[in-house]
Amino acid sequence: MNEHAVAGADRSAAADPVDTPAVAGDYAADVAHNHGNARDGKPVPANQPESKRGTMVTALRWAWPNTLPVLTGYLFLGITYGVLMATHGFPFWLPIVTALVIYTGSMEFLLVGILSSSFNPLSAFLTAVVVGARHLFYGIAMLGKYRNMGWKKAYLIYTTSDETFSVNYSARIPQDEHVDRGWFYFWVSFLDQMYWVAGSAIGGIFGSLITVDLRGLDFVMTAMFMVIFLQQWLQDGTSLRHVAVDHVCELIGVVGSLAALLVFGPERFMIPAMTVILVSLLAIRRPLERRSKSEGEQ
């Protein structure tokens, strides 16, 4: 074998990483660094969770800070509700059960009066429908976000309270951190419900021992709504252009409610206001979806 053949053989060996153990090891490390571990024959980014548990934990880590304002409000309101049930003579477990099953704060406060008076099934049903009718708007707004959620969808619908809707609707889920949207929405919904259940349990268990005046504590819910509303408003922008383009839904809600209040008065404005808002949102739904789609493609 001449020296040219030997040199060619050496170059061939160096070019083939499989035949050289050291080079093969470097090659495998480089592939793992740039493409991550293979899953089902496909490369996976190195910082993507490797298991279902990792996906759940990552989503929980990002969801929990978004629920802290709800934690503050729900604990106080839940305790108030539990105390109210206890002072009306109901067993400590009843506010816990209703917090799990009904999970509609406004209706649960009204439930105290309904259970304390002579029971009227038709009146209770109509009250529940009127109080819960606002969830129609939540459902319309979350149609796109809750699409393709699998088994989580039923629970997400069931636990869509006012505050949970506000958090999930306005949340900015980081895509570069591989946060699963379904698990993010699930944890926000689950944590919010547990805050309410925990507050109701504390109030129901220790309600009979509390003697301080709790009047006005229910204003916590109104204050929390205002904070969430202002946070979303500021997040979407405050310039004249943003007000005219990005705050259409908020303006419909405010103007529709004020108009109904002026026309029908404070005792009868709720249903007309919700009707005006619902019809208006349905009328502009298609244009808003087209604008959102065009912005996403840009």
Protein backbone atom coordinates (compact mmCIF):
# COMPACT_ATOMS: atom_id res chain seq x y z
CA MET A 1 0.00 0.00 0.00
CA ASN A 2 1.51 3.34 -1.03
CA GLU A 3 1.61 6.43 1.15
CA HIS A 4 -1.25 8.07 -0.78
CA ALA A 5 -3.49 5.09 0.01
CA VAL A 6 -2.54 5.26 3.68
CA ALA A 7 -3.30 8.99 3.81
CA GLY A 8 -6.66 8.41 2.12
CA ALA A 9 -7.54 5.71 4.63
CA ASP A 10 -6.67 8.04 7.52
CA ARG A 11 -8.87 10.79 6.11
CA SER A 12 -11.75 8.36 5.62
CA ALA A 13 -11.52 7.17 9.22
CA ALA A 14 -11.49 10.73 10.52
CA ALA A 15 -14.54 11.63 8.44
CA ASP A 16 -16.58 8.71 9.78
CA PRO A 17 -17.60 9.48 13.42
CA VAL A 18 -19.07 6.03 13.97
CA ASP A 19 -15.72 4.26 13.46
CA THR A 20 -13.99 6.51 16.02
CA PRO A 21 -15.37 6.09 19.59
CA ALA A 22 -14.17 9.48 20.84
CA VAL A 23 -15.61 11.31 17.85
CA ALA A 24 -18.83 9.31 18.10
CA GLY A 25 -19.22 10.39 21.71
CA ASP A 26 -18.71 14.05 20.80
CA TYR A 27 -21.22 13.73 17.98
CA ALA A 28 -23.89 12.24 20.28
CA ALA A 29 -23.32 14.97 22.84
CA ASP A 30 -23.68 17.63 20.18
CA VAL A 31 -26.96 16.13 18.95
CA ALA A 32 -28.30 15.96 22.50
CA HIS A 33 -27.31 19.57 23.12
CA ASN A 34 -28.91 20.97 19.98
CA HIS A 35 -31.94 18.74 19.60
CA GLY A 36 -32.65 17.33 23.05
CA ASN A 37 -33.56 13.73 23.72
CA ALA A 38 -35.52 11.86 21.09
CA ARG A 39 -39.13 11.13 21.95
CA ASP A 40 -41.16 8.83 19.67
CA GLY A 41 -38.47 9.19 17.04
CA LYS A 42 -38.68 13.01 16.99
CA PRO A 43 -36.19 15.46 18.46
CA VAL A 44 -37.41 17.33 21.54
CA PRO A 45 -36.00 20.69 22.67
CA ALA A 46 -33.65 20.29 25.59
CA ASN A 47 -35.67 22.54 27.92
CA GLN A 48 -39.03 20.91 27.15
CA PRO A 49 -40.51 18.79 30.00
CA GLU A 50 -39.76 15.14 29.48
CA SER A 51 -42.88 13.73 31.12
CA LYS A 52 -46.50 14.45 31.85
CA ARG A 53 -45.56 15.22 35.43
CA GLY A 54 -42.97 17.74 34.25
CA THR A 55 -45.58 19.38 32.02
CA MET A 56 -48.01 19.65 34.93
CA VAL A 57 -45.40 21.05 37.31
CA THR A 58 -44.22 23.65 34.79
CA ALA A 59 -47.79 24.81 34.17
CA LEU A 60 -48.45 24.97 37.92
CA ARG A 61 -45.32 27.05 38.46
CA TRP A 62 -46.52 29.62 35.93
CA ALA A 63 -50.22 29.52 36.91
CA TRP A 64 -49.90 29.97 40.67
CA PRO A 65 -48.61 33.59 40.70
CA ASN A 66 -51.54 34.63 38.49
CA THR A 67 -54.00 33.39 41.12
CA LEU A 68 -52.60 35.33 44.09
CA PRO A 69 -55.10 38.23 43.77
CA VAL A 70 -57.90 35.67 43.69
CA LEU A 71 -56.43 33.94 46.76
CA THR A 72 -56.72 37.15 48.77
CA GLY A 73 -60.28 37.87 47.70
CA TYR A 74 -61.61 34.30 47.86
CA LEU A 75 -60.24 33.63 51.33
CA PHE A 76 -61.97 36.70 52.76
CA LEU A 77 -65.19 36.12 50.86
CA GLY A 78 -65.19 32.40 51.61
CA ILE A 79 -64.69 33.05 55.31
CA THR A 80 -67.54 35.57 55.20
CA TYR A 81 -69.80 33.04 53.52
CA GLY A 82 -68.90 30.33 56.01
CA VAL A 83 -69.49 32.68 58.94
CA LEU A 84 -72.85 33.69 57.48
CA MET A 85 -73.91 30.06 57.20
CA ALA A 86 -72.73 29.31 60.73
CA THR A 87 -74.54 32.30 62.26
CA HIS A 88 -77.77 31.15 60.57
CA GLY A 89 -77.51 27.81 62.33
CA PHE A 90 -76.35 25.60 59.46
CA PRO A 91 -73.82 22.79 60.10
CA PHE A 92 -70.14 23.53 59.46
CA TRP A 93 -69.94 21.08 56.54
CA LEU A 94 -72.69 22.72 54.49
CA PRO A 95 -70.64 25.73 53.25
CA ILE A 96 -67.85 23.31 52.30
CA VAL A 97 -70.18 21.11 50.26
CA THR A 98 -71.88 24.05 48.55
CA ALA A 99 -68.47 25.59 47.78
CA LEU A 100 -67.54 22.38 45.97
CA VAL A 101 -70.85 21.69 44.25
CA ILE A 102 -72.39 25.11 43.54
CA TYR A 103 -69.21 27.21 43.37
CA THR A 104 -70.99 30.43 42.46
CA GLY A 105 -70.16 33.03 45.08
CA SER A 106 -73.10 35.33 44.47
CA MET A 107 -75.58 32.45 44.41
CA GLU A 108 -74.10 30.92 47.54
CA PHE A 109 -74.66 34.14 49.50
CA LEU A 110 -78.24 34.22 48.22
CA LEU A 111 -78.56 30.54 49.15
CA VAL A 112 -78.35 31.46 52.83
CA GLY A 113 -81.58 33.45 52.55
CA ILE A 114 -83.23 30.84 50.33
CA LEU A 115 -82.52 28.02 52.80
CA SER A 116 -83.52 30.18 55.77
CA SER A 117 -86.96 31.00 54.33
CA SER A 118 -89.80 28.82 53.10
CA PHE A 119 -88.51 26.86 50.14
CA ASN A 120 -89.82 27.88 46.72
CA PRO A 121 -88.25 25.72 43.98
CA LEU A 122 -89.36 27.93 41.08
CA SER A 123 -88.07 31.11 42.72
CA ALA A 124 -84.76 29.44 43.58
CA PHE A 125 -84.38 28.21 39.98
CA LEU A 126 -85.13 31.61 38.42
CA THR A 127 -82.75 33.30 40.85
CA ALA A 128 -79.98 30.88 39.95
CA VAL A 129 -80.58 31.42 36.20
CA VAL A 130 -80.51 35.22 36.50
CA VAL A 131 -77.43 35.25 38.73
CA GLY A 132 -75.56 32.77 36.53
CA ALA A 133 -76.61 34.29 33.19
CA ARG A 134 -73.43 36.37 33.08
CA HIS A 135 -71.50 33.16 32.38
CA LEU A 136 -72.93 33.25 28.86
CA PHE A 137 -70.47 36.04 28.12
CA TYR A 138 -67.60 34.07 29.62
CA GLY A 139 -68.44 31.08 27.45
CA ILE A 140 -68.46 33.15 24.27
CA ALA A 141 -65.14 34.75 25.11
CA MET A 142 -63.45 31.43 25.98
CA LEU A 143 -64.63 29.38 23.00
CA GLY A 144 -61.28 29.62 21.26
CA LYS A 145 -59.09 29.30 24.34
CA TYR A 146 -60.79 26.14 25.65
CA ARG A 147 -60.89 24.38 22.28
CA ASN A 148 -59.23 20.94 22.10
CA MET A 149 -58.72 20.71 25.87
CA GLY A 150 -59.80 17.07 26.11
CA TRP A 151 -61.11 15.90 29.47
CA LYS A 152 -60.08 19.19 31.07
CA LYS A 153 -62.71 21.12 29.11
CA ALA A 154 -65.64 19.96 31.27
CA TYR A 155 -63.87 21.00 34.46
CA LEU A 156 -62.77 24.32 32.95
CA ILE A 157 -66.37 25.11 32.03
CA TYR A 158 -67.66 24.10 35.46
CA THR A 159 -65.12 26.23 37.33
CA THR A 160 -65.36 29.36 35.17
CA SER A 161 -66.05 31.87 37.90
CA ASP A 162 -65.74 35.62 37.41
CA GLU A 163 -62.17 35.78 38.67
CA THR A 164 -61.03 32.59 36.94
CA PHE A 165 -62.38 33.90 33.65
CA SER A 166 -60.53 37.18 34.13
CA VAL A 167 -57.22 35.43 34.86
CA ASN A 168 -57.45 32.82 32.09
CA TYR A 169 -58.70 35.28 29.50
CA SER A 170 -56.01 37.88 30.09
CA ALA A 171 -53.10 35.55 30.95
CA ARG A 172 -50.00 35.72 28.79
CA ILE A 173 -48.75 32.13 28.62
CA PRO A 174 -45.04 32.04 27.71
CA GLN A 175 -44.53 29.92 24.60
CA ASP A 176 -40.74 29.81 24.88
CA GLU A 177 -41.02 28.05 28.25
CA HIS A 178 -43.15 25.23 26.78
CA VAL A 179 -46.03 25.89 29.18
CA ASP A 180 -48.99 23.70 28.25
CA ARG A 181 -52.11 25.88 27.83
CA GLY A 182 -54.53 23.19 28.97
CA TRP A 183 -52.69 22.53 32.22
CA PHE A 184 -52.19 26.26 32.81
CA TYR A 185 -55.95 26.89 32.56
CA PHE A 186 -56.64 23.81 34.67
CA TRP A 187 -54.37 24.89 37.53
CA VAL A 188 -55.77 28.42 37.58
CA SER A 189 -59.31 26.99 37.76
CA PHE A 190 -58.41 24.35 40.35
CA LEU A 191 -56.48 26.70 42.63
CA ASP A 192 -59.22 29.33 42.54
CA GLN A 193 -61.82 26.77 43.54
CA MET A 194 -59.64 25.45 46.35
CA TYR A 195 -59.18 29.00 47.67
CA TRP A 196 -62.94 29.39 47.85
CA VAL A 197 -63.42 25.98 49.48
CA ALA A 198 -60.67 26.69 52.02
CA GLY A 199 -62.18 30.05 52.96
CA SER A 200 -65.66 28.55 53.28
CA ALA A 201 -64.30 25.74 55.45
CA ILE A 202 -62.52 28.20 57.79
CA GLY A 203 -65.63 30.33 58.11
CA GLY A 204 -67.92 27.35 58.60
CA ILE A 205 -65.74 25.72 61.27
CA PHE A 206 -64.83 28.84 63.24
CA GLY A 207 -67.80 31.04 62.34
CA SER A 208 -69.60 30.50 65.61
CA LEU A 209 -66.54 31.81 67.49
CA ILE A 210 -66.30 35.12 65.59
CA THR A 211 -68.02 38.05 67.27
CA VAL A 212 -66.59 41.03 65.32
CA ASP A 213 -68.72 43.05 62.92
CA LEU A 214 -68.07 41.84 59.36
CA ARG A 215 -70.31 44.30 57.53
CA GLY A 216 -68.72 45.63 54.35
CA LEU A 217 -66.33 42.71 53.95
CA ASP A 218 -68.15 41.59 50.81
CA PHE A 219 -66.81 44.74 49.08
CA VAL A 220 -63.60 42.76 48.62
CA MET A 221 -65.17 41.13 45.54
CA THR A 222 -66.02 44.50 43.98
CA ALA A 223 -62.53 45.82 44.69
CA MET A 224 -60.96 42.71 43.18
CA PHE A 225 -63.05 43.08 40.01
CA MET A 226 -61.86 46.66 39.65
CA VAL A 227 -58.21 45.67 40.08
CA ILE A 228 -58.47 42.90 37.47
CA PHE A 229 -60.32 45.20 35.07
CA LEU A 230 -57.74 47.96 35.42
CA GLN A 231 -54.86 45.50 35.07
CA GLN A 232 -56.27 44.14 31.81
CA TRP A 233 -56.99 47.66 30.55
CA LEU A 234 -53.44 48.82 31.23
CA GLN A 235 -52.00 45.63 29.77
CA ASP A 236 -53.83 46.12 26.45
CA GLY A 237 -52.76 49.78 26.18
CA THR A 238 -54.12 53.18 27.16
CA SER A 239 -53.60 55.29 24.05
CA LEU A 240 -56.56 56.57 22.03
CA ARG A 241 -55.90 53.96 19.36
CA HIS A 242 -55.92 51.12 21.92
CA VAL A 243 -59.15 52.40 23.46
CA ALA A 244 -60.87 52.44 20.08
CA VAL A 245 -59.50 49.08 18.91
CA ASP A 246 -58.45 46.85 21.83
CA HIS A 247 -61.03 47.86 24.44
CA VAL A 248 -64.21 47.41 22.43
CA CYS A 249 -65.55 44.62 24.65
CA GLU A 250 -64.81 46.53 27.86
CA LEU A 251 -66.52 49.64 26.48
CA ILE A 252 -69.59 47.62 25.52
CA GLY A 253 -69.81 46.26 29.06
CA VAL A 254 -69.43 49.65 30.72
CA VAL A 255 -71.70 51.62 28.38
CA GLY A 256 -74.35 48.88 28.24
CA SER A 257 -74.49 48.61 32.02
CA LEU A 258 -74.69 52.37 32.55
CA ALA A 259 -77.42 52.76 29.94
CA ALA A 260 -79.51 49.99 31.48
CA LEU A 261 -78.95 51.46 34.95
CA LEU A 262 -80.21 54.88 33.85
CA VAL A 263 -83.23 53.47 32.00
CA PHE A 264 -84.38 50.68 34.34
CA GLY A 265 -83.00 51.75 37.71
CA PRO A 266 -80.75 49.90 40.17
CA GLU A 267 -83.32 47.21 41.00
CA ARG A 268 -84.07 46.04 37.44
CA PHE A 269 -81.09 46.90 35.28
CA MET A 270 -79.17 43.59 35.47
CA ILE A 271 -81.11 41.50 32.92
CA PRO A 272 -81.47 44.34 30.35
CA ALA A 273 -77.78 45.13 30.72
CA MET A 274 -76.75 41.51 30.14
CA THR A 275 -79.08 41.30 27.14
CA VAL A 276 -77.59 44.42 25.54
CA ILE A 277 -74.04 43.21 26.19
CA LEU A 278 -74.75 39.70 24.85
CA VAL A 279 -76.36 40.96 21.64
CA SER A 280 -73.56 43.49 21.09
CA LEU A 281 -70.80 40.92 21.63
CA LEU A 282 -72.47 38.45 19.27
CA ALA A 283 -72.73 41.20 16.65
CA ILE A 284 -69.01 42.01 16.74
CA ARG A 285 -67.71 38.49 17.33
CA ARG A 286 -66.85 37.74 13.69
CA PRO A 287 -65.00 41.02 13.05
CA LEU A 288 -63.01 40.56 16.26
CA GLU A 289 -62.08 36.99 15.30
CA ARG A 290 -60.97 38.09 11.83
CA ARG A 291 -58.84 40.90 13.30
CA SER A 292 -57.30 38.55 15.85
CA LYS A 293 -56.49 36.02 13.13
CA SER A 294 -54.92 38.63 10.87
CA GLU A 295 -52.78 39.95 13.74
CA GLY A 296 -51.64 36.42 14.53
CA GLU A 297 -50.52 35.87 10.93
CA GLN A 298 -48.44 39.04 10.84
